Amino acid sequence: MNVRSVILDFDRRPSALPCMVRAMMPVTRRRELAPRIVARWHGHRPDPRDLAAFRRIAGPGADDGRLPLLYPHTFGFRLAMAILTHPRFPVPIWGVLQVRNHLEQHRAIAADAALDIETRVMRGRPVARGAEFDLHTVVHVAGSLAWQSEVTFFTRGRFGEPDPATPAVRSPTGFGPCVAEWTMSDADHFRFGRFTGDYNGIHFWDWYARRLGFHRALYHPPRVLGQCLAKLPHPGGKAAGAQDLLCLDAWLKGPVAHGAKVRLHAATSPTASTTTFALFANAAERPAIVGRTHAPEATS
């Protein structure tokens, strides 16, 4: 049977309220792990106040007239929310976790540019202990591709015989010495939630997080990644999130709780083309986030 694609078109910031309402509705598990759902946001222009707050909260440096690498990932996440809460999506959103991010910036994006953002479900596959879903996002400015990402989500359950593991599952293992230590600010949680459209209570309330087995509420992942990028050593003296051409691969391995004391380890390749990093939260011996930055042409 030929199933038609679902096209969600937005000419203004997608409202989070319908997503939150749909998230509370029962979800019928479906056999199709890659539903044809596309969400589009036309002509988004960054609000200068939101951009200034994003820079302050996520730490990507001073205003240089360009959007940080993580801006489209953060503000465009509302399209992912619209897809993950759609009735055609095969699993309930509350059981879905981000596990990997791959971001590519192909050229600098002016802070006052109009962004056309599109997110679609690329693929779904059974894996050990559950299933993974890849959502692909592209950003066009004046008709040209400026930025793209692939974000992988995981959910537990039984979905059939696991597919072979993809190479993207393997994260780097050499992290280098400690390059920065700081305490995460325990503030601005709702403001950052307004950026992403993700109002899951696990990001706001300790009592809610404890019901799910955590001691404290958890940060939205791009907020933590932004602070990592701001503190990474990078060739040319620029912060990693301020490069015109840059790829970021991130493996989200564990939670970072509100107010956590964190330490960042990093190592740069001999050719200075790749930086590998790991963020450790509190006294944990295993990293909460492992990442790698490199120029697009350095992609293996």
C-alpha atoms as a PDB file:
ATOM      1  CA  MET A   1       0.000   0.000   0.000  1.00  0.00           C
ATOM      2  CA  ASN A   2       1.342   3.425  -0.973  1.00  0.00           C
ATOM      3  CA  VAL A   3       1.200   5.651   2.115  1.00  0.00           C
ATOM      4  CA  ARG A   4       1.222   9.359   1.416  1.00  0.00           C
ATOM      5  CA  SER A   5       3.771  11.620   3.054  1.00  0.00           C
ATOM      6  CA  VAL A   6       2.723  13.904   5.887  1.00  0.00           C
ATOM      7  CA  ILE A   7       3.851  17.477   5.173  1.00  0.00           C
ATOM      8  CA  LEU A   8       3.807  19.957   8.069  1.00  0.00           C
ATOM      9  CA  ASP A   9       4.323  23.549   6.903  1.00  0.00           C
ATOM     10  CA  PHE A  10       4.983  26.487   9.233  1.00  0.00           C
ATOM     11  CA  ASP A  11       5.333  30.154   8.310  1.00  0.00           C
ATOM     12  CA  ARG A  12       6.074  31.160  11.911  1.00  0.00           C
ATOM     13  CA  ARG A  13       7.654  29.568  14.961  1.00  0.00           C
ATOM     14  CA  PRO A  14       5.928  26.187  15.458  1.00  0.00           C
ATOM     15  CA  SER A  15       3.910  26.252  18.655  1.00  0.00           C
ATOM     16  CA  ALA A  16       5.024  23.841  21.365  1.00  0.00           C
ATOM     17  CA  LEU A  17       1.507  23.526  22.818  1.00  0.00           C
ATOM     18  CA  PRO A  18       0.125  21.106  20.193  1.00  0.00           C
ATOM     19  CA  CYS A  19       3.256  18.978  20.571  1.00  0.00           C
ATOM     20  CA  MET A  20       2.828  18.793  24.338  1.00  0.00           C
ATOM     21  CA  VAL A  21      -0.865  17.902  23.978  1.00  0.00           C
ATOM     22  CA  ARG A  22      -0.104  15.170  21.435  1.00  0.00           C
ATOM     23  CA  ALA A  23       2.715  13.889  23.641  1.00  0.00           C
ATOM     24  CA  MET A  24       0.153  13.091  26.351  1.00  0.00           C
ATOM     25  CA  MET A  25      -2.054  11.079  23.990  1.00  0.00           C
ATOM     26  CA  PRO A  26      -1.777   7.270  23.736  1.00  0.00           C
ATOM     27  CA  VAL A  27       0.419   6.132  20.849  1.00  0.00           C
ATOM     28  CA  THR A  28      -0.294   3.041  18.788  1.00  0.00           C
ATOM     29  CA  ARG A  29       2.989   1.297  18.054  1.00  0.00           C
ATOM     30  CA  ARG A  30       3.424   0.848  14.307  1.00  0.00           C
ATOM     31  CA  ARG A  31       5.483  -1.595  12.295  1.00  0.00           C
ATOM     32  CA  GLU A  32       6.808   1.153  10.014  1.00  0.00           C
ATOM     33  CA  LEU A  33       9.946   2.596  11.654  1.00  0.00           C
ATOM     34  CA  ALA A  34      10.519   5.281   9.022  1.00  0.00           C
ATOM     35  CA  PRO A  35       7.223   7.124   8.492  1.00  0.00           C
ATOM     36  CA  ARG A  36       7.217   9.664   5.683  1.00  0.00           C
ATOM     37  CA  ILE A  37       6.883  12.830   7.772  1.00  0.00           C
ATOM     38  CA  VAL A  38       8.386  16.155   6.719  1.00  0.00           C
ATOM     39  CA  ALA A  39       8.223  19.413   8.712  1.00  0.00           C
ATOM     40  CA  ARG A  40       9.143  22.761   7.133  1.00  0.00           C
ATOM     41  CA  TRP A  41       9.617  26.211   8.646  1.00  0.00           C
ATOM     42  CA  HIS A  42       9.763  28.956   6.056  1.00  0.00           C
ATOM     43  CA  GLY A  43      11.546  32.286   6.440  1.00  0.00           C
ATOM     44  CA  HIS A  44      12.659  32.066  10.072  1.00  0.00           C
ATOM     45  CA  ARG A  45      14.553  35.206  11.074  1.00  0.00           C
ATOM     46  CA  PRO A  46      16.435  34.996  14.390  1.00  0.00           C
ATOM     47  CA  ASP A  47      15.135  37.323  17.078  1.00  0.00           C
ATOM     48  CA  PRO A  48      18.122  39.410  18.276  1.00  0.00           C
ATOM     49  CA  ARG A  49      16.997  39.062  21.898  1.00  0.00           C
ATOM     50  CA  ASP A  50      16.725  35.272  21.621  1.00  0.00           C
ATOM     51  CA  LEU A  51      20.106  35.100  19.899  1.00  0.00           C
ATOM     52  CA  ALA A  52      21.754  37.200  22.595  1.00  0.00           C
ATOM     53  CA  ALA A  53      20.208  35.013  25.304  1.00  0.00           C
ATOM     54  CA  PHE A  54      21.299  31.861  23.473  1.00  0.00           C
ATOM     55  CA  ARG A  55      24.879  33.141  23.320  1.00  0.00           C
ATOM     56  CA  ARG A  56      24.809  33.933  27.022  1.00  0.00           C
ATOM     57  CA  ILE A  57      23.281  30.618  28.094  1.00  0.00           C
ATOM     58  CA  ALA A  58      25.029  28.226  25.717  1.00  0.00           C
ATOM     59  CA  GLY A  59      28.331  30.081  25.689  1.00  0.00           C
ATOM     60  CA  PRO A  60      29.251  30.276  21.989  1.00  0.00           C
ATOM     61  CA  GLY A  61      31.121  33.572  22.365  1.00  0.00           C
ATOM     62  CA  ALA A  62      30.629  37.208  21.502  1.00  0.00           C
ATOM     63  CA  ASP A  63      28.298  38.471  18.792  1.00  0.00           C
ATOM     64  CA  ASP A  64      30.201  38.428  15.493  1.00  0.00           C
ATOM     65  CA  GLY A  65      27.206  38.942  13.209  1.00  0.00           C
ATOM     66  CA  ARG A  66      26.893  35.211  12.426  1.00  0.00           C
ATOM     67  CA  LEU A  67      24.793  32.400  13.820  1.00  0.00           C
ATOM     68  CA  PRO A  68      26.600  29.859  16.027  1.00  0.00           C
ATOM     69  CA  LEU A  69      26.820  26.290  14.755  1.00  0.00           C
ATOM     70  CA  LEU A  70      24.279  25.119  17.340  1.00  0.00           C
ATOM     71  CA  TYR A  71      21.673  27.816  16.623  1.00  0.00           C
ATOM     72  CA  PRO A  72      19.830  25.912  13.839  1.00  0.00           C
ATOM     73  CA  HIS A  73      20.055  22.710  15.875  1.00  0.00           C
ATOM     74  CA  THR A  74      18.509  24.382  18.927  1.00  0.00           C
ATOM     75  CA  PHE A  75      15.810  26.578  17.411  1.00  0.00           C
ATOM     76  CA  GLY A  76      15.004  24.154  14.594  1.00  0.00           C
ATOM     77  CA  PHE A  77      14.357  21.409  17.156  1.00  0.00           C
ATOM     78  CA  ARG A  78      10.707  22.475  17.182  1.00  0.00           C
ATOM     79  CA  LEU A  79      10.369  20.692  13.837  1.00  0.00           C
ATOM     80  CA  ALA A  80      11.758  17.507  15.376  1.00  0.00           C
ATOM     81  CA  MET A  81       9.231  17.885  18.195  1.00  0.00           C
ATOM     82  CA  ALA A  82       6.409  18.225  15.648  1.00  0.00           C
ATOM     83  CA  ILE A  83       7.541  14.977  13.990  1.00  0.00           C
ATOM     84  CA  LEU A  84       8.200  12.987  17.165  1.00  0.00           C
ATOM     85  CA  THR A  85       4.736  13.818  18.534  1.00  0.00           C
ATOM     86  CA  HIS A  86       2.861  13.234  15.272  1.00  0.00           C
ATOM     87  CA  PRO A  87       0.313  10.360  15.363  1.00  0.00           C
ATOM     88  CA  ARG A  88       2.151   8.674  12.483  1.00  0.00           C
ATOM     89  CA  PHE A  89       5.379   8.448  14.474  1.00  0.00           C
ATOM     90  CA  PRO A  90       5.690   4.836  15.651  1.00  0.00           C
ATOM     91  CA  VAL A  91       6.613   5.319  19.337  1.00  0.00           C
ATOM     92  CA  PRO A  92       5.687   7.755  22.151  1.00  0.00           C
ATOM     93  CA  ILE A  93       8.042  10.694  22.497  1.00  0.00           C
ATOM     94  CA  TRP A  94       8.494  10.315  26.266  1.00  0.00           C
ATOM     95  CA  GLY A  95      10.467   7.120  25.699  1.00  0.00           C
ATOM     96  CA  VAL A  96      12.740   8.655  23.061  1.00  0.00           C
ATOM     97  CA  LEU A  97      16.290   9.827  23.816  1.00  0.00           C
ATOM     98  CA  GLN A  98      18.838  11.661  21.675  1.00  0.00           C
ATOM     99  CA  VAL A  99      21.943   9.508  21.350  1.00  0.00           C
ATOM    100  CA  ARG A 100      23.959  11.011  18.475  1.00  0.00           C
ATOM    101  CA  ASN A 101      24.245  14.345  16.688  1.00  0.00           C
ATOM    102  CA  HIS A 102      26.014  15.062  13.412  1.00  0.00           C
ATOM    103  CA  LEU A 103      26.043  18.759  12.441  1.00  0.00           C
ATOM    104  CA  GLU A 104      27.597  20.327   9.342  1.00  0.00           C
ATOM    105  CA  GLN A 105      27.980  24.040   8.706  1.00  0.00           C
ATOM    106  CA  HIS A 106      28.738  24.656   5.038  1.00  0.00           C
ATOM    107  CA  ARG A 107      29.033  28.428   5.189  1.00  0.00           C
ATOM    108  CA  ALA A 108      28.567  31.284   7.603  1.00  0.00           C
ATOM    109  CA  ILE A 109      24.961  32.330   8.209  1.00  0.00           C
ATOM    110  CA  ALA A 110      24.343  36.013   8.902  1.00  0.00           C
ATOM    111  CA  ALA A 111      22.503  36.699  12.146  1.00  0.00           C
ATOM    112  CA  ASP A 112      19.732  38.534  10.274  1.00  0.00           C
ATOM    113  CA  ALA A 113      19.323  35.971   7.482  1.00  0.00           C
ATOM    114  CA  ALA A 114      16.019  34.307   6.618  1.00  0.00           C
ATOM    115  CA  LEU A 115      16.290  30.561   7.201  1.00  0.00           C
ATOM    116  CA  ASP A 116      14.238  27.904   5.443  1.00  0.00           C
ATOM    117  CA  ILE A 117      14.438  24.825   7.692  1.00  0.00           C
ATOM    118  CA  GLU A 118      13.258  21.335   6.798  1.00  0.00           C
ATOM    119  CA  THR A 119      13.333  18.190   8.948  1.00  0.00           C
ATOM    120  CA  ARG A 120      12.331  14.719   7.803  1.00  0.00           C
ATOM    121  CA  VAL A 121      12.499  11.141   9.040  1.00  0.00           C
ATOM    122  CA  MET A 122      15.322   9.555   7.077  1.00  0.00           C
ATOM    123  CA  ARG A 123      15.332   6.022   8.440  1.00  0.00           C
ATOM    124  CA  GLY A 124      14.433   3.788  11.356  1.00  0.00           C
ATOM    125  CA  ARG A 125      16.016   0.479  12.292  1.00  0.00           C
ATOM    126  CA  PRO A 126      15.829  -2.189  14.992  1.00  0.00           C
ATOM    127  CA  VAL A 127      18.899  -2.269  17.222  1.00  0.00           C
ATOM    128  CA  ALA A 128      19.886  -4.178  20.333  1.00  0.00           C
ATOM    129  CA  ARG A 129      17.353  -3.413  23.102  1.00  0.00           C
ATOM    130  CA  GLY A 130      15.228  -1.120  20.933  1.00  0.00           C
ATOM    131  CA  ALA A 131      15.091   0.989  17.779  1.00  0.00           C
ATOM    132  CA  GLU A 132      16.853   4.048  16.378  1.00  0.00           C
ATOM    133  CA  PHE A 133      15.421   6.838  14.255  1.00  0.00           C
ATOM    134  CA  ASP A 134      17.410   9.327  12.161  1.00  0.00           C
ATOM    135  CA  LEU A 135      15.968  12.800  11.566  1.00  0.00           C
ATOM    136  CA  HIS A 136      17.681  14.836   8.864  1.00  0.00           C
ATOM    137  CA  THR A 137      17.515  18.640   8.882  1.00  0.00           C
ATOM    138  CA  VAL A 138      18.647  21.070   6.194  1.00  0.00           C
ATOM    139  CA  VAL A 139      18.832  24.853   6.337  1.00  0.00           C
ATOM    140  CA  HIS A 140      18.785  26.893   3.156  1.00  0.00           C
ATOM    141  CA  VAL A 141      19.561  30.602   2.972  1.00  0.00           C
ATOM    142  CA  ALA A 142      18.604  32.405  -0.234  1.00  0.00           C
ATOM    143  CA  GLY A 143      18.128  29.015  -1.870  1.00  0.00           C
ATOM    144  CA  SER A 144      21.581  27.628  -1.011  1.00  0.00           C
ATOM    145  CA  LEU A 145      22.383  24.881   1.482  1.00  0.00           C
ATOM    146  CA  ALA A 146      24.085  26.474   4.497  1.00  0.00           C
ATOM    147  CA  TRP A 147      23.722  23.898   7.267  1.00  0.00           C
ATOM    148  CA  GLN A 148      22.520  20.338   7.827  1.00  0.00           C
ATOM    149  CA  SER A 149      22.300  17.739  10.567  1.00  0.00           C
ATOM    150  CA  GLU A 150      21.381  14.176  11.334  1.00  0.00           C
ATOM    151  CA  VAL A 151      20.082  13.525  14.835  1.00  0.00           C
ATOM    152  CA  THR A 152      19.638   9.946  16.013  1.00  0.00           C
ATOM    153  CA  PHE A 153      17.042   9.025  18.633  1.00  0.00           C
ATOM    154  CA  PHE A 154      16.729   5.746  20.536  1.00  0.00           C
ATOM    155  CA  THR A 155      13.789   4.050  22.214  1.00  0.00           C
ATOM    156  CA  ARG A 156      13.634   0.784  24.146  1.00  0.00           C
ATOM    157  CA  GLY A 157      11.444  -2.096  23.063  1.00  0.00           C
ATOM    158  CA  ARG A 158      11.230  -5.068  20.750  1.00  0.00           C
ATOM    159  CA  PHE A 159      11.240  -4.215  17.061  1.00  0.00           C
ATOM    160  CA  GLY A 160      12.542  -7.382  15.459  1.00  0.00           C
ATOM    161  CA  GLU A 161      15.969  -8.674  14.529  1.00  0.00           C
ATOM    162  CA  PRO A 162      18.589  -5.918  15.028  1.00  0.00           C
ATOM    163  CA  ASP A 163      20.221  -4.415  11.952  1.00  0.00           C
ATOM    164  CA  PRO A 164      24.042  -4.443  11.776  1.00  0.00           C
ATOM    165  CA  ALA A 165      25.524  -1.600  13.833  1.00  0.00           C
ATOM    166  CA  THR A 166      26.394   1.503  11.798  1.00  0.00           C
ATOM    167  CA  PRO A 167      29.939   2.936  11.955  1.00  0.00           C
ATOM    168  CA  ALA A 168      28.467   6.100  13.508  1.00  0.00           C
ATOM    169  CA  VAL A 169      27.769   4.166  16.725  1.00  0.00           C
ATOM    170  CA  ARG A 170      31.477   4.026  17.611  1.00  0.00           C
ATOM    171  CA  SER A 171      32.676   7.097  19.475  1.00  0.00           C
ATOM    172  CA  PRO A 172      36.300   8.229  19.867  1.00  0.00           C
ATOM    173  CA  THR A 173      38.241   6.893  22.839  1.00  0.00           C
ATOM    174  CA  GLY A 174      41.252   9.233  23.125  1.00  0.00           C
ATOM    175  CA  PHE A 175      40.198  12.344  25.021  1.00  0.00           C
ATOM    176  CA  GLY A 176      43.448  14.080  25.964  1.00  0.00           C
ATOM    177  CA  PRO A 177      44.126  16.201  29.047  1.00  0.00           C
ATOM    178  CA  CYS A 178      41.691  18.369  30.977  1.00  0.00           C
ATOM    179  CA  VAL A 179      41.419  21.782  29.310  1.00  0.00           C
ATOM    180  CA  ALA A 180      38.592  23.373  31.339  1.00  0.00           C
ATOM    181  CA  GLU A 181      36.538  22.926  34.498  1.00  0.00           C
ATOM    182  CA  TRP A 182      33.415  24.824  35.503  1.00  0.00           C
ATOM    183  CA  THR A 183      30.082  24.557  37.301  1.00  0.00           C
ATOM    184  CA  MET A 184      27.022  24.582  35.071  1.00  0.00           C
ATOM    185  CA  SER A 185      24.681  27.472  35.779  1.00  0.00           C
ATOM    186  CA  ASP A 186      21.484  26.328  37.472  1.00  0.00           C
ATOM    187  CA  ALA A 187      19.288  28.925  35.735  1.00  0.00           C
ATOM    188  CA  ASP A 188      17.521  29.735  32.448  1.00  0.00           C
ATOM    189  CA  HIS A 189      16.048  26.257  32.067  1.00  0.00           C
ATOM    190  CA  PHE A 190      12.624  27.433  30.890  1.00  0.00           C
ATOM    191  CA  ARG A 191      14.130  30.033  28.597  1.00  0.00           C
ATOM    192  CA  PHE A 192      16.205  27.378  26.860  1.00  0.00           C
ATOM    193  CA  GLY A 193      13.137  25.148  26.690  1.00  0.00           C
ATOM    194  CA  ARG A 194      11.381  27.972  24.849  1.00  0.00           C
ATOM    195  CA  PHE A 195      14.197  27.934  22.289  1.00  0.00           C
ATOM    196  CA  THR A 196      13.859  24.203  21.578  1.00  0.00           C
ATOM    197  CA  GLY A 197      10.128  23.779  22.152  1.00  0.00           C
ATOM    198  CA  ASP A 198      10.997  20.793  24.380  1.00  0.00           C
ATOM    199  CA  TYR A 199       9.088  21.171  27.652  1.00  0.00           C
ATOM    200  CA  ASN A 200       9.700  17.675  28.979  1.00  0.00           C
ATOM    201  CA  GLY A 201       9.589  17.978  32.760  1.00  0.00           C
ATOM    202  CA  ILE A 202      12.892  16.118  33.079  1.00  0.00           C
ATOM    203  CA  HIS A 203      14.602  19.362  32.025  1.00  0.00           C
ATOM    204  CA  PHE A 204      12.903  21.536  34.667  1.00  0.00           C
ATOM    205  CA  TRP A 205      11.926  19.793  37.892  1.00  0.00           C
ATOM    206  CA  ASP A 206      14.036  17.654  40.215  1.00  0.00           C
ATOM    207  CA  TRP A 207      10.971  15.864  41.611  1.00  0.00           C
ATOM    208  CA  TYR A 208       9.970  14.809  38.113  1.00  0.00           C
ATOM    209  CA  ALA A 209      13.500  13.654  37.242  1.00  0.00           C
ATOM    210  CA  ARG A 210      13.640  11.580  40.434  1.00  0.00           C
ATOM    211  CA  ARG A 211      10.529   9.715  39.313  1.00  0.00           C
ATOM    212  CA  LEU A 212      12.537   8.640  36.269  1.00  0.00           C
ATOM    213  CA  GLY A 213      15.570   7.575  38.257  1.00  0.00           C
ATOM    214  CA  PHE A 214      17.721  10.736  38.198  1.00  0.00           C
ATOM    215  CA  HIS A 215      18.842  12.770  41.209  1.00  0.00           C
ATOM    216  CA  ARG A 216      18.261  16.132  39.534  1.00  0.00           C
ATOM    217  CA  ALA A 217      16.721  17.584  36.399  1.00  0.00           C
ATOM    218  CA  LEU A 218      18.858  17.457  33.256  1.00  0.00           C
ATOM    219  CA  TYR A 219      20.075  20.077  30.788  1.00  0.00           C
ATOM    220  CA  HIS A 220      18.938  20.155  27.180  1.00  0.00           C
ATOM    221  CA  PRO A 221      21.864  18.610  25.228  1.00  0.00           C
ATOM    222  CA  PRO A 222      22.625  21.571  22.889  1.00  0.00           C
ATOM    223  CA  ARG A 223      23.088  23.844  25.901  1.00  0.00           C
ATOM    224  CA  VAL A 224      25.867  21.604  27.210  1.00  0.00           C
ATOM    225  CA  LEU A 225      27.389  21.116  23.756  1.00  0.00           C
ATOM    226  CA  GLY A 226      27.496  24.882  23.230  1.00  0.00           C
ATOM    227  CA  GLN A 227      29.495  25.385  26.400  1.00  0.00           C
ATOM    228  CA  CYS A 228      31.884  22.601  25.354  1.00  0.00           C
ATOM    229  CA  LEU A 229      32.487  24.199  21.946  1.00  0.00           C
ATOM    230  CA  ALA A 230      33.101  27.583  23.539  1.00  0.00           C
ATOM    231  CA  LYS A 231      35.896  26.160  25.669  1.00  0.00           C
ATOM    232  CA  LEU A 232      37.605  23.909  23.135  1.00  0.00           C
ATOM    233  CA  PRO A 233      41.075  24.858  21.868  1.00  0.00           C
ATOM    234  CA  HIS A 234      40.835  25.432  18.134  1.00  0.00           C
ATOM    235  CA  PRO A 235      43.293  26.391  15.392  1.00  0.00           C
ATOM    236  CA  GLY A 236      43.224  30.029  14.340  1.00  0.00           C
ATOM    237  CA  GLY A 237      42.089  31.275  17.728  1.00  0.00           C
ATOM    238  CA  LYS A 238      38.374  30.945  16.986  1.00  0.00           C
ATOM    239  CA  ALA A 239      35.963  29.106  19.212  1.00  0.00           C
ATOM    240  CA  ALA A 240      34.872  25.809  17.680  1.00  0.00           C
ATOM    241  CA  GLY A 241      31.305  27.039  17.271  1.00  0.00           C
ATOM    242  CA  ALA A 242      32.396  30.141  15.342  1.00  0.00           C
ATOM    243  CA  GLN A 243      33.983  28.497  12.294  1.00  0.00           C
ATOM    244  CA  ASP A 244      32.596  29.152   8.835  1.00  0.00           C
ATOM    245  CA  LEU A 245      33.030  25.471   7.872  1.00  0.00           C
ATOM    246  CA  LEU A 246      32.719  22.947  10.638  1.00  0.00           C
ATOM    247  CA  CYS A 247      31.405  19.471  11.441  1.00  0.00           C
ATOM    248  CA  LEU A 248      30.431  18.361  14.922  1.00  0.00           C
ATOM    249  CA  ASP A 249      29.830  14.750  15.871  1.00  0.00           C
ATOM    250  CA  ALA A 250      28.496  14.185  19.390  1.00  0.00           C
ATOM    251  CA  TRP A 251      27.651  11.002  21.284  1.00  0.00           C
ATOM    252  CA  LEU A 252      25.282  11.638  24.211  1.00  0.00           C
ATOM    253  CA  LYS A 253      26.184   8.910  26.678  1.00  0.00           C
ATOM    254  CA  GLY A 254      24.808  10.114  29.992  1.00  0.00           C
ATOM    255  CA  PRO A 255      22.950  12.889  31.795  1.00  0.00           C
ATOM    256  CA  VAL A 256      24.335  16.245  32.892  1.00  0.00           C
ATOM    257  CA  ALA A 257      22.330  17.350  35.923  1.00  0.00           C
ATOM    258  CA  HIS A 258      21.491  20.924  36.838  1.00  0.00           C
ATOM    259  CA  GLY A 259      24.368  22.580  38.676  1.00  0.00           C
ATOM    260  CA  ALA A 260      26.836  19.827  37.775  1.00  0.00           C
ATOM    261  CA  LYS A 261      30.556  20.379  38.158  1.00  0.00           C
ATOM    262  CA  VAL A 262      32.049  19.386  34.823  1.00  0.00           C
ATOM    263  CA  ARG A 263      35.482  18.962  33.325  1.00  0.00           C
ATOM    264  CA  LEU A 264      36.340  19.004  29.639  1.00  0.00           C
ATOM    265  CA  HIS A 265      39.135  16.896  28.145  1.00  0.00           C
ATOM    266  CA  ALA A 266      40.332  17.516  24.605  1.00  0.00           C
ATOM    267  CA  ALA A 267      42.991  16.418  22.128  1.00  0.00           C
ATOM    268  CA  THR A 268      43.836  17.900  18.726  1.00  0.00           C
ATOM    269  CA  SER A 269      45.202  15.815  15.856  1.00  0.00           C
ATOM    270  CA  PRO A 270      48.810  16.401  14.681  1.00  0.00           C
ATOM    271  CA  THR A 271      47.482  18.165  11.564  1.00  0.00           C
ATOM    272  CA  ALA A 272      45.213  20.346  13.755  1.00  0.00           C
ATOM    273  CA  SER A 273      42.261  19.358  11.545  1.00  0.00           C
ATOM    274  CA  THR A 274      40.340  17.396  14.188  1.00  0.00           C
ATOM    275  CA  THR A 275      39.648  17.950  17.874  1.00  0.00           C
ATOM    276  CA  THR A 276      38.245  15.155  20.028  1.00  0.00           C
ATOM    277  CA  PHE A 277      36.698  15.968  23.399  1.00  0.00           C
ATOM    278  CA  ALA A 278      34.847  14.413  26.321  1.00  0.00           C
ATOM    279  CA  LEU A 279      32.799  16.044  29.076  1.00  0.00           C
ATOM    280  CA  PHE A 280      32.686  14.429  32.519  1.00  0.00           C
ATOM    281  CA  ALA A 281      29.980  15.429  35.008  1.00  0.00           C
ATOM    282  CA  ASN A 282      30.669  15.583  38.748  1.00  0.00           C
ATOM    283  CA  ALA A 283      32.840  12.641  39.841  1.00  0.00           C
ATOM    284  CA  ALA A 284      31.787  10.257  37.076  1.00  0.00           C
ATOM    285  CA  GLU A 285      34.550   8.180  35.535  1.00  0.00           C
ATOM    286  CA  ARG A 286      32.672   7.741  32.265  1.00  0.00           C
ATOM    287  CA  PRO A 287      31.997  10.744  30.016  1.00  0.00           C
ATOM    288  CA  ALA A 288      28.504  12.150  29.644  1.00  0.00           C
ATOM    289  CA  ILE A 289      29.316  13.488  26.173  1.00  0.00           C
ATOM    290  CA  VAL A 290      31.978  12.515  23.652  1.00  0.00           C
ATOM    291  CA  GLY A 291      32.497  14.728  20.625  1.00  0.00           C
ATOM    292  CA  ARG A 292      34.635  15.507  17.634  1.00  0.00           C
ATOM    293  CA  THR A 293      34.972  18.674  15.560  1.00  0.00           C
ATOM    294  CA  HIS A 294      36.573  18.818  12.129  1.00  0.00           C
ATOM    295  CA  ALA A 295      36.345  20.604   8.826  1.00  0.00           C
ATOM    296  CA  PRO A 296      33.895  19.034   6.340  1.00  0.00           C
ATOM    297  CA  GLU A 297      36.724  18.014   4.001  1.00  0.00           C
ATOM    298  CA  ALA A 298      38.352  16.092   6.884  1.00  0.00           C
ATOM    299  CA  THR A 299      35.372  13.750   7.213  1.00  0.00           C
ATOM    300  CA  SER A 300      36.500  10.124   6.949  1.00  0.00           C
END
